[in-house]
Amino acid sequence: MSQKIIEYIENKFIDKKMFPSFRSGDTITVYFEIKEGEKKRIQSFKGIVIKKQGKGLTKTFTVRKTSVGGIGVERTFGINQHNIKKVDLNKRGKVRRSKIFYFRFLRGKKAKVKN
């Protein structure tokens, strides 16, 4: 009963955003809006999708990129987050697992995902 109520509220009141379908191992660019005081700007975050979890409109995905010096940065986004403006699918990746946590420990050439 409560599940039906939740689905009804999600369908009625929350706007659904249309993004390309992507999976773990894909390289994507997420464009999101940042508010700094009175100013707003669009920032991009390009990386590999580590995991997707949840269902319905509360679905989230985690993107990992390697910054300067080999430091990894992960960021989790909600699929219907209001500040996400656009998601671009840059490259498809071939992985065997749905959650590639082992990717955090790879360095150098081993940290690439096959196409």
N, C-alpha and C. Protein backbone atom coordinates (compact mmCIF):
# COMPACT_ATOMS: atom_id res chain seq x y z
N MET A 1 0.82 -1.20 0.00
CA MET A 1 0.00 0.00 0.00
C MET A 1 0.86 1.26 0.00
N SER A 2 1.85 1.31 0.90
CA SER A 2 2.69 2.50 0.99
C SER A 2 3.55 2.66 -0.27
N GLN A 3 3.92 1.54 -0.89
CA GLN A 3 4.71 1.60 -2.13
C GLN A 3 3.92 2.28 -3.25
N LYS A 4 2.63 1.99 -3.32
CA LYS A 4 1.79 2.62 -4.34
C LYS A 4 1.64 4.12 -4.10
N ILE A 5 1.57 4.50 -2.84
CA ILE A 5 1.47 5.93 -2.51
C ILE A 5 2.75 6.65 -2.92
N ILE A 6 3.90 6.05 -2.65
CA ILE A 6 5.18 6.65 -3.02
C ILE A 6 5.29 6.80 -4.53
N GLU A 7 4.91 5.76 -5.27
CA GLU A 7 4.94 5.83 -6.73
C GLU A 7 4.00 6.90 -7.26
N TYR A 8 2.83 7.03 -6.66
CA TYR A 8 1.87 8.05 -7.08
C TYR A 8 2.44 9.45 -6.88
N ILE A 9 3.03 9.69 -5.73
CA ILE A 9 3.59 11.01 -5.43
C ILE A 9 4.76 11.32 -6.37
N GLU A 10 5.62 10.32 -6.62
CA GLU A 10 6.74 10.53 -7.54
C GLU A 10 6.26 10.87 -8.94
N ASN A 11 5.26 10.15 -9.42
CA ASN A 11 4.76 10.38 -10.77
C ASN A 11 4.03 11.71 -10.91
N LYS A 12 3.34 12.11 -9.85
CA LYS A 12 2.50 13.30 -9.92
C LYS A 12 3.29 14.60 -9.73
N PHE A 13 4.24 14.62 -8.80
CA PHE A 13 4.82 15.89 -8.38
C PHE A 13 6.29 16.10 -8.75
N ILE A 14 7.01 15.06 -9.10
CA ILE A 14 8.43 15.22 -9.39
C ILE A 14 8.64 15.17 -10.90
N ASP A 15 9.35 16.19 -11.41
CA ASP A 15 9.64 16.23 -12.84
C ASP A 15 10.74 15.23 -13.16
N LYS A 16 10.52 14.44 -14.20
CA LYS A 16 11.50 13.45 -14.61
C LYS A 16 12.43 14.06 -15.65
N LYS A 17 13.72 13.84 -15.48
CA LYS A 17 14.70 14.33 -16.44
C LYS A 17 15.08 13.19 -17.37
N MET A 18 15.29 13.53 -18.62
CA MET A 18 15.65 12.54 -19.62
C MET A 18 17.15 12.62 -19.90
N PHE A 19 17.86 11.56 -19.56
CA PHE A 19 19.29 11.46 -19.80
C PHE A 19 19.54 10.23 -20.65
N PRO A 20 20.69 10.17 -21.35
CA PRO A 20 21.01 8.94 -22.09
C PRO A 20 21.22 7.79 -21.12
N SER A 21 20.91 6.59 -21.55
CA SER A 21 21.11 5.44 -20.67
C SER A 21 22.59 5.11 -20.61
N PHE A 22 23.09 4.90 -19.41
CA PHE A 22 24.49 4.57 -19.20
C PHE A 22 24.59 3.51 -18.13
N ARG A 23 25.74 2.83 -18.10
CA ARG A 23 25.98 1.74 -17.15
C ARG A 23 27.31 1.97 -16.46
N SER A 24 27.66 1.05 -15.59
CA SER A 24 28.97 1.09 -14.95
C SER A 24 30.04 0.87 -16.01
N GLY A 25 31.12 1.61 -15.90
CA GLY A 25 32.21 1.51 -16.85
C GLY A 25 32.15 2.53 -17.96
N ASP A 26 31.01 3.19 -18.14
CA ASP A 26 30.89 4.21 -19.18
C ASP A 26 31.54 5.51 -18.72
N THR A 27 32.10 6.25 -19.66
CA THR A 27 32.66 7.57 -19.37
C THR A 27 31.60 8.61 -19.71
N ILE A 28 31.25 9.41 -18.72
CA ILE A 28 30.22 10.43 -18.92
C ILE A 28 30.72 11.79 -18.44
N THR A 29 30.05 12.83 -18.91
CA THR A 29 30.28 14.18 -18.41
C THR A 29 28.98 14.68 -17.84
N VAL A 30 29.02 15.10 -16.59
CA VAL A 30 27.83 15.63 -15.91
C VAL A 30 28.00 17.14 -15.79
N TYR A 31 27.05 17.88 -16.32
CA TYR A 31 27.04 19.33 -16.21
C TYR A 31 26.04 19.71 -15.13
N PHE A 32 26.53 20.42 -14.11
CA PHE A 32 25.64 20.81 -13.02
C PHE A 32 25.89 22.25 -12.64
N GLU A 33 24.87 22.84 -12.06
CA GLU A 33 24.89 24.26 -11.73
C GLU A 33 25.40 24.46 -10.31
N ILE A 34 26.32 25.41 -10.16
CA ILE A 34 26.87 25.75 -8.85
C ILE A 34 26.49 27.19 -8.55
N LYS A 35 26.04 27.41 -7.34
CA LYS A 35 25.66 28.74 -6.91
C LYS A 35 26.71 29.23 -5.91
N GLU A 36 27.37 30.33 -6.27
CA GLU A 36 28.39 30.93 -5.40
C GLU A 36 27.92 32.32 -5.04
N GLY A 37 27.33 32.47 -3.88
CA GLY A 37 26.77 33.75 -3.49
C GLY A 37 25.57 34.07 -4.35
N GLU A 38 25.68 35.15 -5.15
CA GLU A 38 24.61 35.54 -6.05
C GLU A 38 24.81 34.99 -7.46
N LYS A 39 26.02 34.52 -7.76
CA LYS A 39 26.33 34.07 -9.12
C LYS A 39 26.04 32.59 -9.28
N LYS A 40 25.67 32.22 -10.51
CA LYS A 40 25.47 30.82 -10.86
C LYS A 40 26.36 30.51 -12.06
N ARG A 41 26.90 29.29 -12.07
CA ARG A 41 27.71 28.87 -13.21
C ARG A 41 27.54 27.38 -13.41
N ILE A 42 27.86 26.93 -14.61
CA ILE A 42 27.78 25.51 -14.95
C ILE A 42 29.18 24.91 -14.85
N GLN A 43 29.30 23.82 -14.12
CA GLN A 43 30.57 23.13 -13.98
C GLN A 43 30.41 21.70 -14.52
N SER A 44 31.46 21.18 -15.11
CA SER A 44 31.39 19.83 -15.65
C SER A 44 32.25 18.89 -14.81
N PHE A 45 31.84 17.64 -14.77
CA PHE A 45 32.56 16.59 -14.03
C PHE A 45 32.60 15.39 -14.95
N LYS A 46 33.80 15.10 -15.50
CA LYS A 46 33.94 14.00 -16.45
C LYS A 46 34.68 12.85 -15.78
N GLY A 47 34.08 11.67 -15.85
CA GLY A 47 34.71 10.50 -15.24
C GLY A 47 33.98 9.22 -15.61
N ILE A 48 34.40 8.15 -14.95
CA ILE A 48 33.85 6.82 -15.21
C ILE A 48 32.80 6.49 -14.16
N VAL A 49 31.69 5.93 -14.60
CA VAL A 49 30.61 5.56 -13.69
C VAL A 49 31.06 4.33 -12.90
N ILE A 50 31.12 4.47 -11.58
CA ILE A 50 31.53 3.38 -10.69
C ILE A 50 30.33 2.49 -10.35
N LYS A 51 29.19 3.12 -10.06
CA LYS A 51 28.01 2.34 -9.67
C LYS A 51 26.75 3.14 -9.93
N LYS A 52 25.66 2.40 -10.09
CA LYS A 52 24.31 2.95 -10.11
C LYS A 52 23.52 2.17 -9.07
N GLN A 53 22.71 2.88 -8.30
CA GLN A 53 21.95 2.18 -7.27
C GLN A 53 20.61 2.87 -7.07
N GLY A 54 19.70 2.16 -6.42
CA GLY A 54 18.38 2.68 -6.15
C GLY A 54 17.41 2.34 -7.27
N LYS A 55 16.19 2.82 -7.10
CA LYS A 55 15.17 2.60 -8.13
C LYS A 55 14.23 3.79 -8.14
N GLY A 56 13.54 3.91 -9.22
CA GLY A 56 12.59 5.01 -9.35
C GLY A 56 13.29 6.34 -9.47
N LEU A 57 12.70 7.34 -8.88
CA LEU A 57 13.24 8.69 -8.98
C LEU A 57 14.32 8.98 -7.95
N THR A 58 14.58 8.04 -7.06
CA THR A 58 15.63 8.23 -6.06
C THR A 58 16.92 7.53 -6.46
N LYS A 59 17.04 7.18 -7.72
CA LYS A 59 18.22 6.49 -8.23
C LYS A 59 19.43 7.42 -8.18
N THR A 60 20.59 6.87 -7.81
CA THR A 60 21.82 7.65 -7.78
C THR A 60 22.90 6.94 -8.58
N PHE A 61 23.90 7.71 -8.97
CA PHE A 61 25.06 7.15 -9.64
C PHE A 61 26.31 7.86 -9.16
N THR A 62 27.42 7.13 -9.12
CA THR A 62 28.69 7.66 -8.65
C THR A 62 29.67 7.71 -9.80
N VAL A 63 30.32 8.86 -9.95
CA VAL A 63 31.29 9.07 -11.03
C VAL A 63 32.64 9.32 -10.39
N ARG A 64 33.68 8.67 -10.95
CA ARG A 64 35.04 8.81 -10.43
C ARG A 64 35.95 9.34 -11.53
N LYS A 65 36.73 10.37 -11.19
CA LYS A 65 37.73 10.87 -12.12
C LYS A 65 39.06 10.94 -11.40
N THR A 66 40.13 10.90 -12.18
CA THR A 66 41.46 11.01 -11.62
C THR A 66 41.97 12.41 -11.88
N SER A 67 42.28 13.13 -10.81
CA SER A 67 42.75 14.50 -10.92
C SER A 67 44.26 14.52 -11.12
N VAL A 68 44.81 15.71 -11.10
CA VAL A 68 46.24 15.90 -11.27
C VAL A 68 46.99 15.22 -10.13
N GLY A 69 48.03 14.51 -10.48
CA GLY A 69 48.82 13.84 -9.46
C GLY A 69 48.30 12.46 -9.12
N GLY A 70 47.32 11.97 -9.86
CA GLY A 70 46.81 10.63 -9.62
C GLY A 70 45.85 10.52 -8.45
N ILE A 71 45.32 11.63 -8.00
CA ILE A 71 44.37 11.61 -6.89
C ILE A 71 42.97 11.39 -7.44
N GLY A 72 42.28 10.38 -6.94
CA GLY A 72 40.94 10.07 -7.42
C GLY A 72 39.89 10.88 -6.68
N VAL A 73 38.91 11.37 -7.43
CA VAL A 73 37.81 12.14 -6.86
C VAL A 73 36.51 11.47 -7.27
N GLU A 74 35.65 11.18 -6.31
CA GLU A 74 34.35 10.58 -6.59
C GLU A 74 33.25 11.54 -6.21
N ARG A 75 32.19 11.51 -6.99
CA ARG A 75 31.04 12.35 -6.68
C ARG A 75 29.77 11.57 -6.97
N THR A 76 28.82 11.64 -6.07
CA THR A 76 27.54 10.94 -6.21
C THR A 76 26.46 11.94 -6.61
N PHE A 77 25.70 11.60 -7.63
CA PHE A 77 24.63 12.45 -8.13
C PHE A 77 23.31 11.70 -8.03
N GLY A 78 22.27 12.43 -7.71
CA GLY A 78 20.92 11.89 -7.79
C GLY A 78 20.40 12.07 -9.21
N ILE A 79 19.69 11.10 -9.71
CA ILE A 79 19.27 11.15 -11.12
C ILE A 79 18.32 12.31 -11.37
N ASN A 80 17.54 12.71 -10.38
CA ASN A 80 16.61 13.83 -10.53
C ASN A 80 17.02 15.04 -9.69
N GLN A 81 18.29 15.20 -9.48
CA GLN A 81 18.80 16.34 -8.74
C GLN A 81 18.50 17.62 -9.54
N HIS A 82 18.04 18.64 -8.86
CA HIS A 82 17.59 19.84 -9.58
C HIS A 82 18.73 20.61 -10.22
N ASN A 83 19.96 20.47 -9.72
CA ASN A 83 21.05 21.26 -10.28
C ASN A 83 21.78 20.57 -11.44
N ILE A 84 21.41 19.34 -11.79
CA ILE A 84 22.01 18.68 -12.94
C ILE A 84 21.31 19.20 -14.20
N LYS A 85 22.10 19.76 -15.10
CA LYS A 85 21.54 20.33 -16.33
C LYS A 85 21.61 19.36 -17.50
N LYS A 86 22.72 18.62 -17.62
CA LYS A 86 22.89 17.76 -18.78
C LYS A 86 23.87 16.65 -18.44
N VAL A 87 23.67 15.48 -19.06
CA VAL A 87 24.60 14.36 -18.94
C VAL A 87 24.95 13.92 -20.35
N ASP A 88 26.24 13.91 -20.67
CA ASP A 88 26.72 13.45 -21.98
C ASP A 88 27.40 12.12 -21.82
N LEU A 89 27.08 11.19 -22.71
CA LEU A 89 27.74 9.89 -22.74
C LEU A 89 28.91 10.01 -23.71
N ASN A 90 30.14 9.94 -23.19
CA ASN A 90 31.33 10.13 -24.02
C ASN A 90 31.80 8.82 -24.63
N LYS A 91 31.83 7.75 -23.82
CA LYS A 91 32.39 6.50 -24.30
C LYS A 91 31.76 5.35 -23.54
N ARG A 92 31.42 4.29 -24.26
CA ARG A 92 30.91 3.08 -23.62
C ARG A 92 32.08 2.27 -23.10
N GLY A 93 31.91 1.64 -21.96
CA GLY A 93 32.94 0.80 -21.38
C GLY A 93 32.43 -0.62 -21.18
N LYS A 94 33.33 -1.58 -21.29
CA LYS A 94 32.96 -2.98 -21.12
C LYS A 94 33.52 -3.48 -19.80
N VAL A 95 32.65 -3.72 -18.84
CA VAL A 95 33.04 -4.28 -17.55
C VAL A 95 32.11 -5.44 -17.23
N ARG A 96 32.57 -6.31 -16.36
CA ARG A 96 31.78 -7.50 -16.04
C ARG A 96 30.94 -7.34 -14.78
N ARG A 97 31.19 -6.32 -14.03
CA ARG A 97 30.47 -6.12 -12.77
C ARG A 97 29.61 -4.87 -12.84
N SER A 98 28.58 -4.83 -12.00
CA SER A 98 27.72 -3.65 -11.99
C SER A 98 28.27 -2.56 -11.08
N LYS A 99 29.07 -2.95 -10.10
CA LYS A 99 29.71 -1.97 -9.21
C LYS A 99 31.20 -2.24 -9.22
N ILE A 100 31.96 -1.33 -9.81
CA ILE A 100 33.39 -1.58 -10.03
C ILE A 100 34.23 -0.84 -8.98
N PHE A 101 34.09 -1.28 -7.74
CA PHE A 101 34.85 -0.67 -6.65
C PHE A 101 36.33 -0.97 -6.76
N TYR A 102 36.69 -2.08 -7.41
CA TYR A 102 38.10 -2.42 -7.57
C TYR A 102 38.83 -1.36 -8.40
N PHE A 103 38.09 -0.56 -9.13
CA PHE A 103 38.67 0.48 -9.98
C PHE A 103 39.40 1.54 -9.15
N ARG A 104 39.02 1.68 -7.88
CA ARG A 104 39.65 2.66 -7.00
C ARG A 104 41.12 2.36 -6.74
N PHE A 105 41.49 1.09 -6.81
CA PHE A 105 42.84 0.69 -6.43
C PHE A 105 43.77 0.51 -7.61
N LEU A 106 43.28 0.71 -8.84
CA LEU A 106 44.10 0.54 -10.02
C LEU A 106 44.84 1.84 -10.34
N ARG A 107 46.07 1.69 -10.83
CA ARG A 107 46.89 2.84 -11.18
C ARG A 107 47.44 2.66 -12.59
N GLY A 108 47.75 3.75 -13.25
CA GLY A 108 48.42 3.71 -14.54
C GLY A 108 47.56 3.14 -15.65
N LYS A 109 48.17 2.29 -16.48
CA LYS A 109 47.47 1.73 -17.63
C LYS A 109 46.38 0.75 -17.23
N LYS A 110 46.50 0.15 -16.06
CA LYS A 110 45.49 -0.80 -15.61
C LYS A 110 44.19 -0.10 -15.25
N ALA A 111 44.23 1.21 -15.05
CA ALA A 111 43.05 1.97 -14.66
C ALA A 111 42.21 2.38 -15.85
N LYS A 112 42.36 1.70 -16.99
CA LYS A 112 41.55 1.99 -18.16
C LYS A 112 40.46 0.94 -18.28
N VAL A 113 39.35 1.35 -18.84
CA VAL A 113 38.23 0.45 -19.09
C VAL A 113 38.22 0.10 -20.56
N LYS A 114 38.02 -1.17 -20.88
CA LYS A 114 37.98 -1.59 -22.28
C LYS A 114 36.75 -1.02 -22.97
N ASN A 115 36.86 -0.83 -24.27
CA ASN A 115 35.72 -0.33 -25.06
C ASN A 115 34.88 -1.47 -25.56
